[in-house]
Amino acid sequence: MEMMKSTNFGAIYVGPGIASSYGKHRNAELAFNLVKELNGYTKFVIGTLRGHCNVAGFNQIASYIYGYPFGPDFARGFLRLDDVPVYFQPFTKSPFGFTESNEDTMKQLFERIKKLK
């Protein structure tokens, strides 16, 4: 708890399992209350990973930043990755005219963010 309170910014992501496990809606209520209380110390947000669109977006960000999209583990205070090899084939042609690849999309996003600062 002290580690979360001492950060500059924190994000909690919850998936569909939060409402599928024992406790159902109470689990979500507890997560929202945790974020509300943490905002008394620092900036915290909560987001849902519902369906494949949000999951795909997180995988793209994790791939770009950490080089590995599945299951980056920060529980020990630093990045750890599973030793399980993951094989995937990236798309070869973008379905959108304004971007060429996942990397190109990330570069465009980061350029927009830099302009906001």
PDB file of N, CA and C in Angstrom:
ATOM      1  N   MET A   1       0.817  -1.180   0.000  1.00  0.00           N
ATOM      2  CA  MET A   1       0.000   0.000   0.000  1.00  0.00           C
ATOM      3  C   MET A   1       0.866   1.250   0.000  1.00  0.00           C
ATOM      4  N   GLU A   2       1.940   1.236   0.771  1.00  0.00           N
ATOM      5  CA  GLU A   2       2.819   2.410   0.828  1.00  0.00           C
ATOM      6  C   GLU A   2       3.460   2.677  -0.531  1.00  0.00           C
ATOM      7  N   MET A   3       3.782   1.609  -1.270  1.00  0.00           N
ATOM      8  CA  MET A   3       4.370   1.780  -2.594  1.00  0.00           C
ATOM      9  C   MET A   3       3.373   2.479  -3.523  1.00  0.00           C
ATOM     10  N   MET A   4       2.111   2.105  -3.460  1.00  0.00           N
ATOM     11  CA  MET A   4       1.100   2.743  -4.301  1.00  0.00           C
ATOM     12  C   MET A   4       0.901   4.202  -3.900  1.00  0.00           C
ATOM     13  N   LYS A   5       0.901   4.485  -2.611  1.00  0.00           N
ATOM     14  CA  LYS A   5       0.681   5.851  -2.143  1.00  0.00           C
ATOM     15  C   LYS A   5       1.848   6.769  -2.482  1.00  0.00           C
ATOM     16  N   SER A   6       3.039   6.225  -2.641  1.00  0.00           N
ATOM     17  CA  SER A   6       4.216   7.064  -2.876  1.00  0.00           C
ATOM     18  C   SER A   6       4.526   7.276  -4.358  1.00  0.00           C
ATOM     19  N   THR A   7       3.728   6.710  -5.273  1.00  0.00           N
ATOM     20  CA  THR A   7       3.988   6.900  -6.700  1.00  0.00           C
ATOM     21  C   THR A   7       3.507   8.266  -7.172  1.00  0.00           C
ATOM     22  N   ASN A   8       3.997   8.691  -8.330  1.00  0.00           N
ATOM     23  CA  ASN A   8       3.512   9.929  -8.940  1.00  0.00           C
ATOM     24  C   ASN A   8       2.196   9.695  -9.661  1.00  0.00           C
ATOM     25  N   PHE A   9       2.016   8.484 -10.164  1.00  0.00           N
ATOM     26  CA  PHE A   9       0.807   8.136 -10.910  1.00  0.00           C
ATOM     27  C   PHE A   9       0.642   6.626 -10.851  1.00  0.00           C
ATOM     28  N   GLY A  10      -0.589   6.170 -10.765  1.00  0.00           N
ATOM     29  CA  GLY A  10      -0.848   4.733 -10.754  1.00  0.00           C
ATOM     30  C   GLY A  10      -2.088   4.391 -11.550  1.00  0.00           C
ATOM     31  N   ALA A  11      -2.093   3.185 -12.089  1.00  0.00           N
ATOM     32  CA  ALA A  11      -3.245   2.706 -12.864  1.00  0.00           C
ATOM     33  C   ALA A  11      -3.541   1.271 -12.462  1.00  0.00           C
ATOM     34  N   ILE A  12      -4.800   0.987 -12.265  1.00  0.00           N
ATOM     35  CA  ILE A  12      -5.259  -0.368 -11.971  1.00  0.00           C
ATOM     36  C   ILE A  12      -6.156  -0.786 -13.125  1.00  0.00           C
ATOM     37  N   TYR A  13      -5.858  -1.921 -13.708  1.00  0.00           N
ATOM     38  CA  TYR A  13      -6.691  -2.455 -14.786  1.00  0.00           C
ATOM     39  C   TYR A  13      -7.361  -3.721 -14.300  1.00  0.00           C
ATOM     40  N   VAL A  14      -8.661  -3.823 -14.551  1.00  0.00           N
ATOM     41  CA  VAL A  14      -9.416  -5.009 -14.159  1.00  0.00           C
ATOM     42  C   VAL A  14     -10.032  -5.629 -15.409  1.00  0.00           C
ATOM     43  N   GLY A  15     -10.102  -6.934 -15.411  1.00  0.00           N
ATOM     44  CA  GLY A  15     -10.686  -7.649 -16.534  1.00  0.00           C
ATOM     45  C   GLY A  15     -12.046  -8.210 -16.191  1.00  0.00           C
ATOM     46  N   PRO A  16     -12.615  -8.984 -17.082  1.00  0.00           N
ATOM     47  CA  PRO A  16     -13.953  -9.542 -16.863  1.00  0.00           C
ATOM     48  C   PRO A  16     -14.040 -10.437 -15.624  1.00  0.00           C
ATOM     49  N   GLY A  17     -12.918 -10.973 -15.202  1.00  0.00           N
ATOM     50  CA  GLY A  17     -12.916 -11.853 -14.036  1.00  0.00           C
ATOM     51  C   GLY A  17     -13.321 -11.177 -12.745  1.00  0.00           C
ATOM     52  N   ILE A  18     -13.204  -9.862 -12.680  1.00  0.00           N
ATOM     53  CA  ILE A  18     -13.560  -9.151 -11.443  1.00  0.00           C
ATOM     54  C   ILE A  18     -15.038  -9.340 -11.114  1.00  0.00           C
ATOM     55  N   ALA A  19     -15.881  -9.451 -12.141  1.00  0.00           N
ATOM     56  CA  ALA A  19     -17.312  -9.646 -11.908  1.00  0.00           C
ATOM     57  C   ALA A  19     -17.726 -11.106 -12.036  1.00  0.00           C
ATOM     58  N   SER A  20     -16.788 -11.957 -12.430  1.00  0.00           N
ATOM     59  CA  SER A  20     -17.107 -13.374 -12.598  1.00  0.00           C
ATOM     60  C   SER A  20     -16.702 -14.206 -11.393  1.00  0.00           C
ATOM     61  N   SER A  21     -15.876 -13.645 -10.534  1.00  0.00           N
ATOM     62  CA  SER A  21     -15.394 -14.397  -9.382  1.00  0.00           C
ATOM     63  C   SER A  21     -16.315 -14.190  -8.181  1.00  0.00           C
ATOM     64  N   TYR A  22     -16.003 -14.879  -7.123  1.00  0.00           N
ATOM     65  CA  TYR A  22     -16.792 -14.790  -5.911  1.00  0.00           C
ATOM     66  C   TYR A  22     -16.809 -13.347  -5.434  1.00  0.00           C
ATOM     67  N   GLY A  23     -17.951 -12.804  -5.162  1.00  0.00           N
ATOM     68  CA  GLY A  23     -18.091 -11.431  -4.711  1.00  0.00           C
ATOM     69  C   GLY A  23     -18.703 -10.526  -5.762  1.00  0.00           C
ATOM     70  N   LYS A  24     -18.621 -10.934  -7.011  1.00  0.00           N
ATOM     71  CA  LYS A  24     -19.234 -10.237  -8.157  1.00  0.00           C
ATOM     72  C   LYS A  24     -19.076  -8.717  -8.088  1.00  0.00           C
ATOM     73  N   HIS A  25     -20.180  -7.991  -7.983  1.00  0.00           N
ATOM     74  CA  HIS A  25     -20.146  -6.527  -8.035  1.00  0.00           C
ATOM     75  C   HIS A  25     -19.390  -5.907  -6.866  1.00  0.00           C
ATOM     76  N   ARG A  26     -19.289  -6.634  -5.761  1.00  0.00           N
ATOM     77  CA  ARG A  26     -18.567  -6.094  -4.602  1.00  0.00           C
ATOM     78  C   ARG A  26     -17.078  -5.952  -4.909  1.00  0.00           C
ATOM     79  N   ASN A  27     -16.535  -6.836  -5.751  1.00  0.00           N
ATOM     80  CA  ASN A  27     -15.123  -6.730  -6.137  1.00  0.00           C
ATOM     81  C   ASN A  27     -14.869  -5.414  -6.859  1.00  0.00           C
ATOM     82  N   ALA A  28     -15.752  -5.067  -7.786  1.00  0.00           N
ATOM     83  CA  ALA A  28     -15.602  -3.808  -8.519  1.00  0.00           C
ATOM     84  C   ALA A  28     -15.746  -2.623  -7.565  1.00  0.00           C
ATOM     85  N   GLU A  29     -16.701  -2.716  -6.657  1.00  0.00           N
ATOM     86  CA  GLU A  29     -16.897  -1.638  -5.684  1.00  0.00           C
ATOM     87  C   GLU A  29     -15.633  -1.422  -4.852  1.00  0.00           C
ATOM     88  N   LEU A  30     -15.011  -2.496  -4.416  1.00  0.00           N
ATOM     89  CA  LEU A  30     -13.780  -2.388  -3.625  1.00  0.00           C
ATOM     90  C   LEU A  30     -12.648  -1.780  -4.442  1.00  0.00           C
ATOM     91  N   ALA A  31     -12.537  -2.176  -5.705  1.00  0.00           N
ATOM     92  CA  ALA A  31     -11.489  -1.622  -6.567  1.00  0.00           C
ATOM     93  C   ALA A  31     -11.699  -0.120  -6.768  1.00  0.00           C
ATOM     94  N   PHE A  32     -12.953   0.296  -7.010  1.00  0.00           N
ATOM     95  CA  PHE A  32     -13.243   1.718  -7.192  1.00  0.00           C
ATOM     96  C   PHE A  32     -12.951   2.502  -5.906  1.00  0.00           C
ATOM     97  N   ASN A  33     -13.304   1.934  -4.768  1.00  0.00           N
ATOM     98  CA  ASN A  33     -13.031   2.609  -3.491  1.00  0.00           C
ATOM     99  C   ASN A  33     -11.532   2.721  -3.228  1.00  0.00           C
ATOM    100  N   LEU A  34     -10.770   1.693  -3.601  1.00  0.00           N
ATOM    101  CA  LEU A  34      -9.316   1.750  -3.447  1.00  0.00           C
ATOM    102  C   LEU A  34      -8.748   2.912  -4.252  1.00  0.00           C
ATOM    103  N   VAL A  35      -9.177   3.045  -5.502  1.00  0.00           N
ATOM    104  CA  VAL A  35      -8.698   4.136  -6.350  1.00  0.00           C
ATOM    105  C   VAL A  35      -9.121   5.489  -5.772  1.00  0.00           C
ATOM    106  N   LYS A  36     -10.345   5.568  -5.280  1.00  0.00           N
ATOM    107  CA  LYS A  36     -10.825   6.819  -4.672  1.00  0.00           C
ATOM    108  C   LYS A  36      -9.951   7.208  -3.481  1.00  0.00           C
ATOM    109  N   GLU A  37      -9.632   6.259  -2.628  1.00  0.00           N
ATOM    110  CA  GLU A  37      -8.792   6.533  -1.458  1.00  0.00           C
ATOM    111  C   GLU A  37      -7.365   6.887  -1.866  1.00  0.00           C
ATOM    112  N   LEU A  38      -6.816   6.175  -2.860  1.00  0.00           N
ATOM    113  CA  LEU A  38      -5.446   6.459  -3.306  1.00  0.00           C
ATOM    114  C   LEU A  38      -5.326   7.854  -3.906  1.00  0.00           C
ATOM    115  N   ASN A  39      -6.407   8.368  -4.486  1.00  0.00           N
ATOM    116  CA  ASN A  39      -6.381   9.720  -5.047  1.00  0.00           C
ATOM    117  C   ASN A  39      -6.229  10.784  -3.969  1.00  0.00           C
ATOM    118  N   GLY A  40      -6.368  10.411  -2.720  1.00  0.00           N
ATOM    119  CA  GLY A  40      -6.072  11.328  -1.627  1.00  0.00           C
ATOM    120  C   GLY A  40      -4.575  11.528  -1.433  1.00  0.00           C
ATOM    121  N   TYR A  41      -3.756  10.651  -2.024  1.00  0.00           N
ATOM    122  CA  TYR A  41      -2.306  10.704  -1.881  1.00  0.00           C
ATOM    123  C   TYR A  41      -1.591  11.032  -3.193  1.00  0.00           C
ATOM    124  N   THR A  42      -2.117  10.514  -4.282  1.00  0.00           N
ATOM    125  CA  THR A  42      -1.480  10.672  -5.590  1.00  0.00           C
ATOM    126  C   THR A  42      -2.531  10.497  -6.672  1.00  0.00           C
ATOM    127  N   LYS A  43      -2.152  10.640  -7.906  1.00  0.00           N
ATOM    128  CA  LYS A  43      -3.094  10.469  -9.015  1.00  0.00           C
ATOM    129  C   LYS A  43      -3.202   8.987  -9.358  1.00  0.00           C
ATOM    130  N   PHE A  44      -4.403   8.443  -9.268  1.00  0.00           N
ATOM    131  CA  PHE A  44      -4.658   7.038  -9.592  1.00  0.00           C
ATOM    132  C   PHE A  44      -5.882   6.934 -10.484  1.00  0.00           C
ATOM    133  N   VAL A  45      -5.860   5.995 -11.402  1.00  0.00           N
ATOM    134  CA  VAL A  45      -6.997   5.744 -12.287  1.00  0.00           C
ATOM    135  C   VAL A  45      -7.288   4.249 -12.310  1.00  0.00           C
ATOM    136  N   ILE A  46      -8.481   3.915 -12.769  1.00  0.00           N
ATOM    137  CA  ILE A  46      -8.856   2.520 -12.939  1.00  0.00           C
ATOM    138  C   ILE A  46      -9.415   2.369 -14.349  1.00  0.00           C
ATOM    139  N   GLY A  47      -9.069   1.290 -14.997  1.00  0.00           N
ATOM    140  CA  GLY A  47      -9.552   1.028 -16.348  1.00  0.00           C
ATOM    141  C   GLY A  47      -9.960  -0.422 -16.487  1.00  0.00           C
ATOM    142  N   THR A  48     -10.864  -0.656 -17.399  1.00  0.00           N
ATOM    143  CA  THR A  48     -11.315  -2.027 -17.624  1.00  0.00           C
ATOM    144  C   THR A  48     -10.723  -2.558 -18.913  1.00  0.00           C
ATOM    145  N   LEU A  49     -10.395  -3.816 -18.902  1.00  0.00           N
ATOM    146  CA  LEU A  49      -9.941  -4.524 -20.097  1.00  0.00           C
ATOM    147  C   LEU A  49     -11.071  -5.458 -20.487  1.00  0.00           C
ATOM    148  N   ARG A  50     -11.985  -4.927 -21.277  1.00  0.00           N
ATOM    149  CA  ARG A  50     -13.165  -5.698 -21.656  1.00  0.00           C
ATOM    150  C   ARG A  50     -13.075  -6.058 -23.128  1.00  0.00           C
ATOM    151  N   GLY A  51     -13.078  -7.315 -23.424  1.00  0.00           N
ATOM    152  CA  GLY A  51     -13.072  -7.760 -24.812  1.00  0.00           C
ATOM    153  C   GLY A  51     -11.704  -7.637 -25.449  1.00  0.00           C
ATOM    154  N   HIS A  52     -11.650  -7.951 -26.717  1.00  0.00           N
ATOM    155  CA  HIS A  52     -10.369  -8.040 -27.402  1.00  0.00           C
ATOM    156  C   HIS A  52      -9.797  -6.692 -27.797  1.00  0.00           C
ATOM    157  N   CYS A  53     -10.620  -5.665 -27.952  1.00  0.00           N
ATOM    158  CA  CYS A  53     -10.085  -4.362 -28.368  1.00  0.00           C
ATOM    159  C   CYS A  53      -9.159  -3.787 -27.307  1.00  0.00           C
ATOM    160  N   ASN A  54      -9.608  -3.712 -26.063  1.00  0.00           N
ATOM    161  CA  ASN A  54      -8.747  -3.169 -25.019  1.00  0.00           C
ATOM    162  C   ASN A  54      -7.537  -4.053 -24.782  1.00  0.00           C
ATOM    163  N   VAL A  55      -7.726  -5.348 -24.815  1.00  0.00           N
ATOM    164  CA  VAL A  55      -6.619  -6.272 -24.605  1.00  0.00           C
ATOM    165  C   VAL A  55      -5.587  -6.088 -25.708  1.00  0.00           C
ATOM    166  N   ALA A  56      -6.042  -5.941 -26.943  1.00  0.00           N
ATOM    167  CA  ALA A  56      -5.125  -5.758 -28.063  1.00  0.00           C
ATOM    168  C   ALA A  56      -4.334  -4.469 -27.889  1.00  0.00           C
ATOM    169  N   GLY A  57      -4.989  -3.414 -27.425  1.00  0.00           N
ATOM    170  CA  GLY A  57      -4.292  -2.145 -27.208  1.00  0.00           C
ATOM    171  C   GLY A  57      -3.215  -2.264 -26.147  1.00  0.00           C
ATOM    172  N   PHE A  58      -3.508  -2.924 -25.049  1.00  0.00           N
ATOM    173  CA  PHE A  58      -2.499  -3.121 -24.006  1.00  0.00           C
ATOM    174  C   PHE A  58      -1.347  -3.949 -24.537  1.00  0.00           C
ATOM    175  N   ASN A  59      -1.643  -4.987 -25.305  1.00  0.00           N
ATOM    176  CA  ASN A  59      -0.578  -5.824 -25.870  1.00  0.00           C
ATOM    177  C   ASN A  59       0.334  -5.018 -26.782  1.00  0.00           C
ATOM    178  N   GLN A  60      -0.221  -4.091 -27.555  1.00  0.00           N
ATOM    179  CA  GLN A  60       0.597  -3.255 -28.429  1.00  0.00           C
ATOM    180  C   GLN A  60       1.511  -2.348 -27.604  1.00  0.00           C
ATOM    181  N   ILE A  61       0.961  -1.739 -26.569  1.00  0.00           N
ATOM    182  CA  ILE A  61       1.767  -0.862 -25.712  1.00  0.00           C
ATOM    183  C   ILE A  61       2.868  -1.663 -25.029  1.00  0.00           C
ATOM    184  N   ALA A  62       2.527  -2.813 -24.458  1.00  0.00           N
ATOM    185  CA  ALA A  62       3.522  -3.646 -23.774  1.00  0.00           C
ATOM    186  C   ALA A  62       4.590  -4.122 -24.748  1.00  0.00           C
ATOM    187  N   SER A  63       4.197  -4.458 -25.971  1.00  0.00           N
ATOM    188  CA  SER A  63       5.171  -4.876 -26.980  1.00  0.00           C
ATOM    189  C   SER A  63       6.137  -3.746 -27.284  1.00  0.00           C
ATOM    190  N   TYR A  64       5.598  -2.558 -27.443  1.00  0.00           N
ATOM    191  CA  TYR A  64       6.430  -1.411 -27.802  1.00  0.00           C
ATOM    192  C   TYR A  64       7.375  -1.043 -26.663  1.00  0.00           C
ATOM    193  N   ILE A  65       6.861  -0.991 -25.445  1.00  0.00           N
ATOM    194  CA  ILE A  65       7.661  -0.519 -24.321  1.00  0.00           C
ATOM    195  C   ILE A  65       8.589  -1.610 -23.780  1.00  0.00           C
ATOM    196  N   TYR A  66       8.066  -2.838 -23.619  1.00  0.00           N
ATOM    197  CA  TYR A  66       8.832  -3.891 -22.952  1.00  0.00           C
ATOM    198  C   TYR A  66       9.331  -4.979 -23.899  1.00  0.00           C
ATOM    199  N   GLY A  67       8.858  -4.962 -25.135  1.00  0.00           N
ATOM    200  CA  GLY A  67       9.292  -5.969 -26.092  1.00  0.00           C
ATOM    201  C   GLY A  67       8.607  -7.310 -25.920  1.00  0.00           C
ATOM    202  N   TYR A  68       7.604  -7.384 -25.073  1.00  0.00           N
ATOM    203  CA  TYR A  68       6.916  -8.641 -24.785  1.00  0.00           C
ATOM    204  C   TYR A  68       5.484  -8.297 -24.396  1.00  0.00           C
ATOM    205  N   PRO A  69       4.493  -8.760 -25.167  1.00  0.00           N
ATOM    206  CA  PRO A  69       3.136  -8.288 -24.919  1.00  0.00           C
ATOM    207  C   PRO A  69       2.336  -9.019 -23.852  1.00  0.00           C
ATOM    208  N   PHE A  70       2.747 -10.220 -23.451  1.00  0.00           N
ATOM    209  CA  PHE A  70       1.871 -11.038 -22.621  1.00  0.00           C
ATOM    210  C   PHE A  70       2.405 -11.188 -21.204  1.00  0.00           C
ATOM    211  N   GLY A  71       1.690 -10.618 -20.259  1.00  0.00           N
ATOM    212  CA  GLY A  71       1.959 -10.846 -18.850  1.00  0.00           C
ATOM    213  C   GLY A  71       3.208 -10.218 -18.277  1.00  0.00           C
ATOM    214  N   PRO A  72       3.519  -8.941 -18.572  1.00  0.00           N
ATOM    215  CA  PRO A  72       4.632  -8.339 -17.843  1.00  0.00           C
ATOM    216  C   PRO A  72       4.271  -8.284 -16.364  1.00  0.00           C
ATOM    217  N   ASP A  73       5.211  -8.656 -15.522  1.00  0.00           N
ATOM    218  CA  ASP A  73       4.953  -8.780 -14.086  1.00  0.00           C
ATOM    219  C   ASP A  73       5.772  -7.723 -13.343  1.00  0.00           C
ATOM    220  N   PHE A  74       5.078  -6.815 -12.636  1.00  0.00           N
ATOM    221  CA  PHE A  74       5.738  -5.776 -11.860  1.00  0.00           C
ATOM    222  C   PHE A  74       5.563  -6.003 -10.357  1.00  0.00           C
ATOM    223  N   ALA A  75       5.123  -7.172  -9.963  1.00  0.00           N
ATOM    224  CA  ALA A  75       4.792  -7.444  -8.564  1.00  0.00           C
ATOM    225  C   ALA A  75       5.987  -7.273  -7.635  1.00  0.00           C
ATOM    226  N   ARG A  76       7.199  -7.463  -8.132  1.00  0.00           N
ATOM    227  CA  ARG A  76       8.391  -7.338  -7.281  1.00  0.00           C
ATOM    228  C   ARG A  76       9.028  -5.956  -7.359  1.00  0.00           C
ATOM    229  N   GLY A  77       8.334  -5.020  -8.027  1.00  0.00           N
ATOM    230  CA  GLY A  77       8.858  -3.669  -8.128  1.00  0.00           C
ATOM    231  C   GLY A  77       9.720  -3.432  -9.356  1.00  0.00           C
ATOM    232  N   PHE A  78       9.900  -4.447 -10.170  1.00  0.00           N
ATOM    233  CA  PHE A  78      10.653  -4.306 -11.419  1.00  0.00           C
ATOM    234  C   PHE A  78      10.039  -5.260 -12.436  1.00  0.00           C
ATOM    235  N   LEU A  79      10.371  -5.047 -13.694  1.00  0.00           N
ATOM    236  CA  LEU A  79       9.784  -5.841 -14.772  1.00  0.00           C
ATOM    237  C   LEU A  79      10.345  -7.250 -14.782  1.00  0.00           C
ATOM    238  N   ARG A  80       9.461  -8.229 -14.816  1.00  0.00           N
ATOM    239  CA  ARG A  80       9.825  -9.639 -15.015  1.00  0.00           C
ATOM    240  C   ARG A  80       8.936 -10.177 -16.115  1.00  0.00           C
ATOM    241  N   LEU A  81       9.487 -11.036 -16.936  1.00  0.00           N
ATOM    242  CA  LEU A  81       8.717 -11.651 -18.008  1.00  0.00           C
ATOM    243  C   LEU A  81       8.732 -13.159 -17.839  1.00  0.00           C
ATOM    244  N   ASP A  82       7.653 -13.792 -18.265  1.00  0.00           N
ATOM    245  CA  ASP A  82       7.611 -15.249 -18.237  1.00  0.00           C
ATOM    246  C   ASP A  82       8.689 -15.797 -19.153  1.00  0.00           C
ATOM    247  N   ASP A  83       9.177 -16.985 -18.872  1.00  0.00           N
ATOM    248  CA  ASP A  83      10.174 -17.627 -19.720  1.00  0.00           C
ATOM    249  C   ASP A  83       9.532 -18.440 -20.834  1.00  0.00           C
ATOM    250  N   VAL A  84       8.234 -18.298 -20.995  1.00  0.00           N
ATOM    251  CA  VAL A  84       7.527 -19.055 -22.024  1.00  0.00           C
ATOM    252  C   VAL A  84       7.672 -18.323 -23.355  1.00  0.00           C
ATOM    253  N   PRO A  85       8.214 -18.990 -24.370  1.00  0.00           N
ATOM    254  CA  PRO A  85       8.338 -18.298 -25.665  1.00  0.00           C
ATOM    255  C   PRO A  85       6.971 -18.074 -26.296  1.00  0.00           C
ATOM    256  N   VAL A  86       6.801 -16.937 -26.919  1.00  0.00           N
ATOM    257  CA  VAL A  86       5.554 -16.587 -27.586  1.00  0.00           C
ATOM    258  C   VAL A  86       5.861 -16.378 -29.060  1.00  0.00           C
ATOM    259  N   TYR A  87       5.106 -17.053 -29.907  1.00  0.00           N
ATOM    260  CA  TYR A  87       5.298 -16.924 -31.341  1.00  0.00           C
ATOM    261  C   TYR A  87       4.094 -16.204 -31.923  1.00  0.00           C
ATOM    262  N   PHE A  88       4.342 -15.172 -32.681  1.00  0.00           N
ATOM    263  CA  PHE A  88       3.252 -14.459 -33.312  1.00  0.00           C
ATOM    264  C   PHE A  88       3.745 -13.916 -34.642  1.00  0.00           C
ATOM    265  N   GLN A  89       2.805 -13.622 -35.504  1.00  0.00           N
ATOM    266  CA  GLN A  89       3.128 -13.046 -36.803  1.00  0.00           C
ATOM    267  C   GLN A  89       2.427 -11.702 -36.905  1.00  0.00           C
ATOM    268  N   PRO A  90       3.192 -10.606 -36.989  1.00  0.00           N
ATOM    269  CA  PRO A  90       2.555  -9.302 -37.077  1.00  0.00           C
ATOM    270  C   PRO A  90       1.850  -9.133 -38.414  1.00  0.00           C
ATOM    271  N   PHE A  91       0.850  -8.230 -38.418  1.00  0.00           N
ATOM    272  CA  PHE A  91       0.167  -8.000 -39.678  1.00  0.00           C
ATOM    273  C   PHE A  91       1.128  -7.339 -40.662  1.00  0.00           C
ATOM    274  N   THR A  92       0.941  -7.604 -41.934  1.00  0.00           N
ATOM    275  CA  THR A  92       1.868  -7.091 -42.944  1.00  0.00           C
ATOM    276  C   THR A  92       1.347  -5.834 -43.619  1.00  0.00           C
ATOM    277  N   LYS A  93       0.061  -5.628 -43.607  1.00  0.00           N
ATOM    278  CA  LYS A  93      -0.504  -4.446 -44.230  1.00  0.00           C
ATOM    279  C   LYS A  93      -1.531  -3.836 -43.276  1.00  0.00           C
ATOM    280  N   SER A  94      -1.397  -2.556 -43.037  1.00  0.00           N
ATOM    281  CA  SER A  94      -2.301  -1.888 -42.119  1.00  0.00           C
ATOM    282  C   SER A  94      -3.684  -1.751 -42.732  1.00  0.00           C
ATOM    283  N   PRO A  95      -4.731  -1.950 -41.930  1.00  0.00           N
ATOM    284  CA  PRO A  95      -6.084  -1.742 -42.440  1.00  0.00           C
ATOM    285  C   PRO A  95      -6.449  -0.251 -42.510  1.00  0.00           C
ATOM    286  N   PHE A  96      -5.583   0.624 -41.993  1.00  0.00           N
ATOM    287  CA  PHE A  96      -5.859   2.053 -41.963  1.00  0.00           C
ATOM    288  C   PHE A  96      -4.839   2.803 -42.805  1.00  0.00           C
ATOM    289  N   GLY A  97      -5.282   3.862 -43.474  1.00  0.00           N
ATOM    290  CA  GLY A  97      -4.400   4.631 -44.331  1.00  0.00           C
ATOM    291  C   GLY A  97      -3.435   5.537 -43.590  1.00  0.00           C
ATOM    292  N   PHE A  98      -3.722   5.868 -42.320  1.00  0.00           N
ATOM    293  CA  PHE A  98      -2.906   6.832 -41.592  1.00  0.00           C
ATOM    294  C   PHE A  98      -1.766   6.205 -40.799  1.00  0.00           C
ATOM    295  N   THR A  99      -1.636   4.897 -40.838  1.00  0.00           N
ATOM    296  CA  THR A  99      -0.553   4.241 -40.117  1.00  0.00           C
ATOM    297  C   THR A  99      -0.062   3.032 -40.901  1.00  0.00           C
ATOM    298  N   GLU A 100       1.188   2.706 -40.700  1.00  0.00           N
ATOM    299  CA  GLU A 100       1.795   1.600 -41.435  1.00  0.00           C
ATOM    300  C   GLU A 100       1.959   0.344 -40.588  1.00  0.00           C
ATOM    301  N   SER A 101       2.087   0.505 -39.283  1.00  0.00           N
ATOM    302  CA  SER A 101       2.330  -0.646 -38.412  1.00  0.00           C
ATOM    303  C   SER A 101       2.000  -0.248 -36.979  1.00  0.00           C
ATOM    304  N   ASN A 102       2.070  -1.204 -36.075  1.00  0.00           N
ATOM    305  CA  ASN A 102       1.869  -0.899 -34.656  1.00  0.00           C
ATOM    306  C   ASN A 102       2.915   0.097 -34.175  1.00  0.00           C
ATOM    307  N   GLU A 103       4.150  -0.081 -34.609  1.00  0.00           N
ATOM    308  CA  GLU A 103       5.228   0.821 -34.198  1.00  0.00           C
ATOM    309  C   GLU A 103       4.969   2.235 -34.712  1.00  0.00           C
ATOM    310  N   ASP A 104       4.517   2.349 -35.949  1.00  0.00           N
ATOM    311  CA  ASP A 104       4.199   3.659 -36.517  1.00  0.00           C
ATOM    312  C   ASP A 104       3.076   4.329 -35.726  1.00  0.00           C
ATOM    313  N   THR A 105       2.055   3.571 -35.348  1.00  0.00           N
ATOM    314  CA  THR A 105       0.956   4.110 -34.552  1.00  0.00           C
ATOM    315  C   THR A 105       1.468   4.636 -33.219  1.00  0.00           C
ATOM    316  N   MET A 106       2.335   3.874 -32.568  1.00  0.00           N
ATOM    317  CA  MET A 106       2.883   4.297 -31.275  1.00  0.00           C
ATOM    318  C   MET A 106       3.711   5.573 -31.437  1.00  0.00           C
ATOM    319  N   LYS A 107       4.501   5.659 -32.491  1.00  0.00           N
ATOM    320  CA  LYS A 107       5.302   6.863 -32.720  1.00  0.00           C
ATOM    321  C   LYS A 107       4.405   8.078 -32.907  1.00  0.00           C
ATOM    322  N   GLN A 108       3.311   7.906 -33.654  1.00  0.00           N
ATOM    323  CA  GLN A 108       2.376   9.009 -33.860  1.00  0.00           C
ATOM    324  C   GLN A 108       1.754   9.447 -32.528  1.00  0.00           C
ATOM    325  N   LEU A 109       1.374   8.476 -31.703  1.00  0.00           N
ATOM    326  CA  LEU A 109       0.788   8.805 -30.397  1.00  0.00           C
ATOM    327  C   LEU A 109       1.773   9.556 -29.517  1.00  0.00           C
ATOM    328  N   PHE A 110       3.017   9.073 -29.470  1.00  0.00           N
ATOM    329  CA  PHE A 110       4.014   9.721 -28.622  1.00  0.00           C
ATOM    330  C   PHE A 110       4.329  11.137 -29.109  1.00  0.00           C
ATOM    331  N   GLU A 111       4.316  11.348 -30.425  1.00  0.00           N
ATOM    332  CA  GLU A 111       4.546  12.695 -30.947  1.00  0.00           C
ATOM    333  C   GLU A 111       3.416  13.631 -30.523  1.00  0.00           C
ATOM    334  N   ARG A 112       2.181  13.153 -30.558  1.00  0.00           N
ATOM    335  CA  ARG A 112       1.054  13.979 -30.125  1.00  0.00           C
ATOM    336  C   ARG A 112       1.140  14.302 -28.636  1.00  0.00           C
ATOM    337  N   ILE A 113       1.554  13.311 -27.854  1.00  0.00           N
ATOM    338  CA  ILE A 113       1.692  13.523 -26.406  1.00  0.00           C
ATOM    339  C   ILE A 113       2.782  14.556 -26.119  1.00  0.00           C
ATOM    340  N   LYS A 114       3.900  14.467 -26.838  1.00  0.00           N
ATOM    341  CA  LYS A 114       4.993  15.441 -26.638  1.00  0.00           C
ATOM    342  C   LYS A 114       4.517  16.851 -26.943  1.00  0.00           C
ATOM    343  N   LYS A 115       3.668  16.999 -27.958  1.00  0.00           N
ATOM    344  CA  LYS A 115       3.165  18.332 -28.314  1.00  0.00           C
ATOM    345  C   LYS A 115       2.254  18.900 -27.225  1.00  0.00           C
ATOM    346  N   LEU A 116       1.582  18.024 -26.462  1.00  0.00           N
ATOM    347  CA  LEU A 116       0.691  18.480 -25.404  1.00  0.00           C
ATOM    348  C   LEU A 116       1.454  19.064 -24.223  1.00  0.00           C
ATOM    349  N   LYS A 117       2.682  18.609 -24.023  1.00  0.00           N
ATOM    350  CA  LYS A 117       3.454  19.034 -22.853  1.00  0.00           C
ATOM    351  C   LYS A 117       3.986  20.402 -23.001  1.00  0.00           C
TER     352      LYS A 117
END
